[in-house]
PDB file of all heavy atoms in Angstrom:
ATOM      1  N   GLY A   1     -29.393 -65.743  -9.350  1.00  0.00           N
ATOM      2  CA  GLY A   1     -30.572 -65.011  -8.894  1.00  0.00           C
ATOM      3  C   GLY A   1     -31.830 -65.341  -9.673  1.00  0.00           C
ATOM      4  O   GLY A   1     -31.845 -66.223 -10.541  1.00  0.00           O
ATOM      5  N   LYS A   2     -32.890 -64.584  -9.376  1.00  0.00           N
ATOM      6  CA  LYS A   2     -34.200 -64.826  -9.969  1.00  0.00           C
ATOM      7  C   LYS A   2     -34.721 -63.568 -10.652  1.00  0.00           C
ATOM      8  O   LYS A   2     -34.556 -62.464 -10.127  1.00  0.00           O
ATOM      9  CB  LYS A   2     -35.212 -65.253  -8.897  1.00  0.00           C
ATOM     10  CG  LYS A   2     -34.843 -66.520  -8.145  1.00  0.00           C
ATOM     11  CD  LYS A   2     -35.837 -66.768  -7.016  1.00  0.00           C
ATOM     12  CE  LYS A   2     -35.448 -67.995  -6.196  1.00  0.00           C
ATOM     13  NZ  LYS A   2     -36.370 -68.209  -5.056  1.00  0.00           N
ATOM     14  N   ILE A   3     -35.347 -63.759 -11.796  1.00  0.00           N
ATOM     15  CA  ILE A   3     -36.075 -62.693 -12.464  1.00  0.00           C
ATOM     16  C   ILE A   3     -37.550 -63.084 -12.477  1.00  0.00           C
ATOM     17  O   ILE A   3     -37.914 -64.141 -12.993  1.00  0.00           O
ATOM     18  CB  ILE A   3     -35.567 -62.458 -13.897  1.00  0.00           C
ATOM     19  CG1 ILE A   3     -34.108 -61.998 -13.875  1.00  0.00           C
ATOM     20  CG2 ILE A   3     -36.442 -61.431 -14.621  1.00  0.00           C
ATOM     21  CD1 ILE A   3     -33.476 -61.875 -15.248  1.00  0.00           C
ATOM     22  N   ILE A   4     -38.379 -62.258 -11.861  1.00  0.00           N
ATOM     23  CA  ILE A   4     -39.812 -62.536 -11.790  1.00  0.00           C
ATOM     24  C   ILE A   4     -40.510 -61.756 -12.903  1.00  0.00           C
ATOM     25  O   ILE A   4     -40.537 -60.519 -12.887  1.00  0.00           O
ATOM     26  CB  ILE A   4     -40.399 -62.133 -10.425  1.00  0.00           C
ATOM     27  CG1 ILE A   4     -39.506 -62.643  -9.283  1.00  0.00           C
ATOM     28  CG2 ILE A   4     -41.828 -62.650 -10.295  1.00  0.00           C
ATOM     29  CD1 ILE A   4     -39.276 -64.134  -9.261  1.00  0.00           C
ATOM     30  N   VAL A   5     -41.036 -62.467 -13.871  1.00  0.00           N
ATOM     31  CA  VAL A   5     -41.723 -61.837 -15.008  1.00  0.00           C
ATOM     32  C   VAL A   5     -43.158 -61.554 -14.593  1.00  0.00           C
ATOM     33  O   VAL A   5     -43.970 -62.464 -14.437  1.00  0.00           O
ATOM     34  CB  VAL A   5     -41.681 -62.742 -16.249  1.00  0.00           C
ATOM     35  CG1 VAL A   5     -42.389 -62.068 -17.424  1.00  0.00           C
ATOM     36  CG2 VAL A   5     -40.233 -63.071 -16.615  1.00  0.00           C
ATOM     37  N   PHE A   6     -43.453 -60.269 -14.429  1.00  0.00           N
ATOM     38  CA  PHE A   6     -44.743 -59.868 -13.888  1.00  0.00           C
ATOM     39  C   PHE A   6     -45.417 -58.842 -14.800  1.00  0.00           C
ATOM     40  O   PHE A   6     -46.134 -57.955 -14.347  1.00  0.00           O
ATOM     41  CB  PHE A   6     -44.537 -59.316 -12.473  1.00  0.00           C
ATOM     42  CG  PHE A   6     -45.797 -59.077 -11.692  1.00  0.00           C
ATOM     43  CD1 PHE A   6     -46.863 -59.953 -11.760  1.00  0.00           C
ATOM     44  CD2 PHE A   6     -45.917 -57.969 -10.884  1.00  0.00           C
ATOM     45  CE1 PHE A   6     -48.025 -59.733 -11.044  1.00  0.00           C
ATOM     46  CE2 PHE A   6     -47.071 -57.724 -10.156  1.00  0.00           C
ATOM     47  CZ  PHE A   6     -48.129 -58.612 -10.242  1.00  0.00           C
ATOM     48  N   SER A   7     -45.161 -58.949 -16.091  1.00  0.00           N
ATOM     49  CA  SER A   7     -45.803 -58.061 -17.070  1.00  0.00           C
ATOM     50  C   SER A   7     -45.637 -58.663 -18.451  1.00  0.00           C
ATOM     51  O   SER A   7     -44.697 -59.424 -18.704  1.00  0.00           O
ATOM     52  CB  SER A   7     -45.176 -56.663 -17.035  1.00  0.00           C
ATOM     53  OG  SER A   7     -43.817 -56.730 -17.423  1.00  0.00           O
ATOM     54  N   SER A   8     -46.549 -58.306 -19.337  1.00  0.00           N
ATOM     55  CA  SER A   8     -46.381 -58.657 -20.742  1.00  0.00           C
ATOM     56  C   SER A   8     -45.589 -57.540 -21.419  1.00  0.00           C
ATOM     57  O   SER A   8     -45.490 -56.430 -20.889  1.00  0.00           O
ATOM     58  CB  SER A   8     -47.740 -58.834 -21.422  1.00  0.00           C
ATOM     59  OG  SER A   8     -48.475 -57.616 -21.383  1.00  0.00           O
ATOM     60  N   ILE A   9     -44.993 -57.841 -22.573  1.00  0.00           N
ATOM     61  CA  ILE A   9     -44.256 -56.829 -23.327  1.00  0.00           C
ATOM     62  C   ILE A   9     -44.847 -56.706 -24.724  1.00  0.00           C
ATOM     63  O   ILE A   9     -45.730 -57.473 -25.109  1.00  0.00           O
ATOM     64  CB  ILE A   9     -42.751 -57.141 -23.385  1.00  0.00           C
ATOM     65  CG1 ILE A   9     -42.504 -58.519 -24.041  1.00  0.00           C
ATOM     66  CG2 ILE A   9     -42.134 -57.099 -22.003  1.00  0.00           C
ATOM     67  CD1 ILE A   9     -41.034 -58.826 -24.274  1.00  0.00           C
ATOM     68  N   GLU A  10     -44.318 -55.747 -25.482  1.00  0.00           N
ATOM     69  CA  GLU A  10     -44.936 -55.396 -26.756  1.00  0.00           C
ATOM     70  C   GLU A  10     -44.522 -56.294 -27.916  1.00  0.00           C
ATOM     71  O   GLU A  10     -45.014 -56.143 -29.026  1.00  0.00           O
ATOM     72  CB  GLU A  10     -44.613 -53.928 -27.085  1.00  0.00           C
ATOM     73  CG  GLU A  10     -43.169 -53.669 -27.510  1.00  0.00           C
ATOM     74  CD  GLU A  10     -42.188 -53.540 -26.355  1.00  0.00           C
ATOM     75  OE1 GLU A  10     -42.568 -53.851 -25.209  1.00  0.00           O
ATOM     76  OE2 GLU A  10     -41.035 -53.133 -26.598  1.00  0.00           O
ATOM     77  N   ASN A  11     -43.606 -57.248 -27.669  1.00  0.00           N
ATOM     78  CA  ASN A  11     -43.164 -58.139 -28.743  1.00  0.00           C
ATOM     79  C   ASN A  11     -42.821 -59.502 -28.149  1.00  0.00           C
ATOM     80  O   ASN A  11     -43.146 -59.787 -27.003  1.00  0.00           O
ATOM     81  CB  ASN A  11     -41.967 -57.529 -29.479  1.00  0.00           C
ATOM     82  CG  ASN A  11     -40.835 -57.140 -28.535  1.00  0.00           C
ATOM     83  OD1 ASN A  11     -40.534 -57.877 -27.595  1.00  0.00           O
ATOM     84  ND2 ASN A  11     -40.238 -55.978 -28.751  1.00  0.00           N
ATOM     85  N   ASP A  12     -42.151 -60.335 -28.956  1.00  0.00           N
ATOM     86  CA  ASP A  12     -41.863 -61.706 -28.517  1.00  0.00           C
ATOM     87  C   ASP A  12     -40.424 -61.890 -28.053  1.00  0.00           C
ATOM     88  O   ASP A  12     -39.931 -63.021 -27.980  1.00  0.00           O
ATOM     89  CB  ASP A  12     -42.157 -62.701 -29.653  1.00  0.00           C
ATOM     90  CG  ASP A  12     -43.645 -62.829 -29.953  1.00  0.00           C
ATOM     91  OD1 ASP A  12     -44.427 -62.694 -28.994  1.00  0.00           O
ATOM     92  OD2 ASP A  12     -44.012 -63.059 -31.114  1.00  0.00           O
ATOM     93  N   GLU A  13     -39.740 -60.827 -27.742  1.00  0.00           N
ATOM     94  CA  GLU A  13     -38.371 -60.967 -27.255  1.00  0.00           C
ATOM     95  C   GLU A  13     -38.363 -61.666 -25.897  1.00  0.00           C
ATOM     96  O   GLU A  13     -39.325 -61.600 -25.141  1.00  0.00           O
ATOM     97  CB  GLU A  13     -37.702 -59.588 -27.147  1.00  0.00           C
ATOM     98  CG  GLU A  13     -37.441 -58.940 -28.500  1.00  0.00           C
ATOM     99  CD  GLU A  13     -36.599 -57.679 -28.372  1.00  0.00           C
ATOM    100  OE1 GLU A  13     -35.820 -57.588 -27.405  1.00  0.00           O
ATOM    101  OE2 GLU A  13     -36.727 -56.802 -29.245  1.00  0.00           O
ATOM    102  N   GLY A  14     -37.237 -62.335 -25.608  1.00  0.00           N
ATOM    103  CA  GLY A  14     -37.169 -63.070 -24.355  1.00  0.00           C
ATOM    104  C   GLY A  14     -35.752 -63.171 -23.832  1.00  0.00           C
ATOM    105  O   GLY A  14     -34.853 -62.437 -24.264  1.00  0.00           O
ATOM    106  N   TYR A  15     -35.541 -64.094 -22.919  1.00  0.00           N
ATOM    107  CA  TYR A  15     -34.255 -64.280 -22.271  1.00  0.00           C
ATOM    108  C   TYR A  15     -33.454 -65.333 -23.018  1.00  0.00           C
ATOM    109  O   TYR A  15     -33.969 -66.407 -23.352  1.00  0.00           O
ATOM    110  CB  TYR A  15     -34.475 -64.690 -20.813  1.00  0.00           C
ATOM    111  CG  TYR A  15     -35.223 -63.646 -20.041  1.00  0.00           C
ATOM    112  CD1 TYR A  15     -36.620 -63.623 -20.035  1.00  0.00           C
ATOM    113  CD2 TYR A  15     -34.559 -62.652 -19.346  1.00  0.00           C
ATOM    114  CE1 TYR A  15     -37.322 -62.644 -19.350  1.00  0.00           C
ATOM    115  CE2 TYR A  15     -35.245 -61.670 -18.661  1.00  0.00           C
ATOM    116  CZ  TYR A  15     -36.624 -61.673 -18.665  1.00  0.00           C
ATOM    117  OH  TYR A  15     -37.314 -60.698 -17.993  1.00  0.00           O
ATOM    118  N   LYS A  16     -32.182 -65.056 -23.271  1.00  0.00           N
ATOM    119  CA  LYS A  16     -31.345 -65.977 -24.034  1.00  0.00           C
ATOM    120  C   LYS A  16     -30.989 -67.198 -23.203  1.00  0.00           C
ATOM    121  O   LYS A  16     -30.659 -67.096 -22.023  1.00  0.00           O
ATOM    122  CB  LYS A  16     -30.081 -65.257 -24.506  1.00  0.00           C
ATOM    123  CG  LYS A  16     -30.350 -64.139 -25.501  1.00  0.00           C
ATOM    124  CD  LYS A  16     -29.055 -63.471 -25.944  1.00  0.00           C
ATOM    125  CE  LYS A  16     -29.341 -62.360 -26.951  1.00  0.00           C
ATOM    126  NZ  LYS A  16     -28.095 -61.670 -27.371  1.00  0.00           N
ATOM    127  N   ASN A  17     -31.049 -68.344 -23.852  1.00  0.00           N
ATOM    128  CA  ASN A  17     -30.797 -69.609 -23.180  1.00  0.00           C
ATOM    129  C   ASN A  17     -29.460 -69.625 -22.440  1.00  0.00           C
ATOM    130  O   ASN A  17     -29.380 -70.051 -21.279  1.00  0.00           O
ATOM    131  CB  ASN A  17     -30.833 -70.744 -24.195  1.00  0.00           C
ATOM    132  CG  ASN A  17     -30.650 -72.107 -23.559  1.00  0.00           C
ATOM    133  OD1 ASN A  17     -31.596 -72.687 -23.047  1.00  0.00           O
ATOM    134  ND2 ASN A  17     -29.426 -72.630 -23.574  1.00  0.00           N
ATOM    135  N   ASN A  18     -28.401 -69.177 -23.087  1.00  0.00           N
ATOM    136  CA  ASN A  18     -27.075 -69.275 -22.478  1.00  0.00           C
ATOM    137  C   ASN A  18     -26.900 -68.318 -21.301  1.00  0.00           C
ATOM    138  O   ASN A  18     -26.125 -68.602 -20.385  1.00  0.00           O
ATOM    139  CB  ASN A  18     -25.981 -69.038 -23.521  1.00  0.00           C
ATOM    140  CG  ASN A  18     -25.828 -70.234 -24.448  1.00  0.00           C
ATOM    141  OD1 ASN A  18     -26.527 -71.241 -24.277  1.00  0.00           O
ATOM    142  ND2 ASN A  18     -24.938 -70.138 -25.413  1.00  0.00           N
ATOM    143  N   ASP A  19     -27.595 -67.185 -21.343  1.00  0.00           N
ATOM    144  CA  ASP A  19     -27.573 -66.290 -20.177  1.00  0.00           C
ATOM    145  C   ASP A  19     -28.140 -67.012 -18.958  1.00  0.00           C
ATOM    146  O   ASP A  19     -27.620 -66.903 -17.846  1.00  0.00           O
ATOM    147  CB  ASP A  19     -28.402 -65.029 -20.450  1.00  0.00           C
ATOM    148  CG  ASP A  19     -27.681 -64.038 -21.337  1.00  0.00           C
ATOM    149  OD1 ASP A  19     -26.439 -64.026 -21.324  1.00  0.00           O
ATOM    150  OD2 ASP A  19     -28.365 -63.283 -22.039  1.00  0.00           O
ATOM    151  N   ILE A  20     -29.222 -67.739 -19.183  1.00  0.00           N
ATOM    152  CA  ILE A  20     -29.865 -68.463 -18.092  1.00  0.00           C
ATOM    153  C   ILE A  20     -29.002 -69.650 -17.652  1.00  0.00           C
ATOM    154  O   ILE A  20     -28.778 -69.872 -16.456  1.00  0.00           O
ATOM    155  CB  ILE A  20     -31.263 -68.956 -18.535  1.00  0.00           C
ATOM    156  CG1 ILE A  20     -32.164 -67.765 -18.882  1.00  0.00           C
ATOM    157  CG2 ILE A  20     -31.907 -69.814 -17.454  1.00  0.00           C
ATOM    158  CD1 ILE A  20     -33.470 -68.158 -19.539  1.00  0.00           C
ATOM    159  N   TYR A  21     -28.476 -70.379 -18.630  1.00  0.00           N
ATOM    160  CA  TYR A  21     -27.749 -71.618 -18.345  1.00  0.00           C
ATOM    161  C   TYR A  21     -26.443 -71.375 -17.599  1.00  0.00           C
ATOM    162  O   TYR A  21     -26.209 -71.933 -16.522  1.00  0.00           O
ATOM    163  CB  TYR A  21     -27.494 -72.365 -19.654  1.00  0.00           C
ATOM    164  CG  TYR A  21     -26.636 -73.589 -19.505  1.00  0.00           C
ATOM    165  CD1 TYR A  21     -27.102 -74.704 -18.797  1.00  0.00           C
ATOM    166  CD2 TYR A  21     -25.373 -73.655 -20.078  1.00  0.00           C
ATOM    167  CE1 TYR A  21     -26.321 -75.835 -18.664  1.00  0.00           C
ATOM    168  CE2 TYR A  21     -24.578 -74.781 -19.945  1.00  0.00           C
ATOM    169  CZ  TYR A  21     -25.056 -75.871 -19.232  1.00  0.00           C
ATOM    170  OH  TYR A  21     -24.281 -76.986 -19.090  1.00  0.00           O
ATOM    171  N   TYR A  22     -25.580 -70.552 -18.154  1.00  0.00           N
ATOM    172  CA  TYR A  22     -24.244 -70.375 -17.565  1.00  0.00           C
ATOM    173  C   TYR A  22     -24.272 -69.606 -16.244  1.00  0.00           C
ATOM    174  O   TYR A  22     -23.385 -69.751 -15.417  1.00  0.00           O
ATOM    175  CB  TYR A  22     -23.311 -69.687 -18.555  1.00  0.00           C
ATOM    176  CG  TYR A  22     -22.875 -70.598 -19.678  1.00  0.00           C
ATOM    177  CD1 TYR A  22     -23.339 -70.395 -20.970  1.00  0.00           C
ATOM    178  CD2 TYR A  22     -22.027 -71.672 -19.442  1.00  0.00           C
ATOM    179  CE1 TYR A  22     -22.960 -71.236 -22.011  1.00  0.00           C
ATOM    180  CE2 TYR A  22     -21.638 -72.522 -20.476  1.00  0.00           C
ATOM    181  CZ  TYR A  22     -22.106 -72.301 -21.754  1.00  0.00           C
ATOM    182  OH  TYR A  22     -21.723 -73.137 -22.780  1.00  0.00           O
ATOM    183  N   ARG A  23     -25.298 -68.801 -16.058  1.00  0.00           N
ATOM    184  CA  ARG A  23     -25.387 -68.020 -14.820  1.00  0.00           C
ATOM    185  C   ARG A  23     -26.363 -68.646 -13.817  1.00  0.00           C
ATOM    186  O   ARG A  23     -26.550 -68.121 -12.733  1.00  0.00           O
ATOM    187  CB  ARG A  23     -25.821 -66.586 -15.154  1.00  0.00           C
ATOM    188  CG  ARG A  23     -24.831 -65.826 -16.022  1.00  0.00           C
ATOM    189  CD  ARG A  23     -25.330 -64.425 -16.311  1.00  0.00           C
ATOM    190  NE  ARG A  23     -25.501 -63.657 -15.078  1.00  0.00           N
ATOM    191  CZ  ARG A  23     -26.167 -62.499 -15.011  1.00  0.00           C
ATOM    192  NH1 ARG A  23     -26.741 -61.994 -16.100  1.00  0.00           N
ATOM    193  NH2 ARG A  23     -26.267 -61.856 -13.866  1.00  0.00           N
ATOM    194  N   GLU A  24     -26.948 -69.770 -14.179  1.00  0.00           N
ATOM    195  CA  GLU A  24     -27.922 -70.469 -13.326  1.00  0.00           C
ATOM    196  C   GLU A  24     -28.999 -69.524 -12.802  1.00  0.00           C
ATOM    197  O   GLU A  24     -29.310 -69.470 -11.615  1.00  0.00           O
ATOM    198  CB  GLU A  24     -27.230 -71.192 -12.165  1.00  0.00           C
ATOM    199  CG  GLU A  24     -26.408 -72.387 -12.619  1.00  0.00           C
ATOM    200  CD  GLU A  24     -25.985 -73.285 -11.474  1.00  0.00           C
ATOM    201  OE1 GLU A  24     -26.055 -72.852 -10.312  1.00  0.00           O
ATOM    202  OE2 GLU A  24     -25.586 -74.431 -11.760  1.00  0.00           O
ATOM    203  N   LEU A  25     -29.592 -68.795 -13.737  1.00  0.00           N
ATOM    204  CA  LEU A  25     -30.671 -67.881 -13.381  1.00  0.00           C
ATOM    205  C   LEU A  25     -32.011 -68.609 -13.371  1.00  0.00           C
ATOM    206  O   LEU A  25     -32.212 -69.576 -14.124  1.00  0.00           O
ATOM    207  CB  LEU A  25     -30.740 -66.719 -14.375  1.00  0.00           C
ATOM    208  CG  LEU A  25     -29.500 -65.838 -14.492  1.00  0.00           C
ATOM    209  CD1 LEU A  25     -29.710 -64.776 -15.559  1.00  0.00           C
ATOM    210  CD2 LEU A  25     -29.158 -65.199 -13.153  1.00  0.00           C
ATOM    211  N   SER A  26     -32.920 -68.154 -12.543  1.00  0.00           N
ATOM    212  CA  SER A  26     -34.293 -68.659 -12.541  1.00  0.00           C
ATOM    213  C   SER A  26     -35.203 -67.576 -13.102  1.00  0.00           C
ATOM    214  O   SER A  26     -35.223 -66.451 -12.597  1.00  0.00           O
ATOM    215  CB  SER A  26     -34.738 -69.020 -11.120  1.00  0.00           C
ATOM    216  OG  SER A  26     -33.949 -70.053 -10.580  1.00  0.00           O
TER     217      SER A  26
END
């Protein structure tokens, strides 16, 4: 599936590489 990032957040946290890679997320 897809996650559409449509807001800023209060820190620099993000999406983990392996979550994206193994699940083929966009």
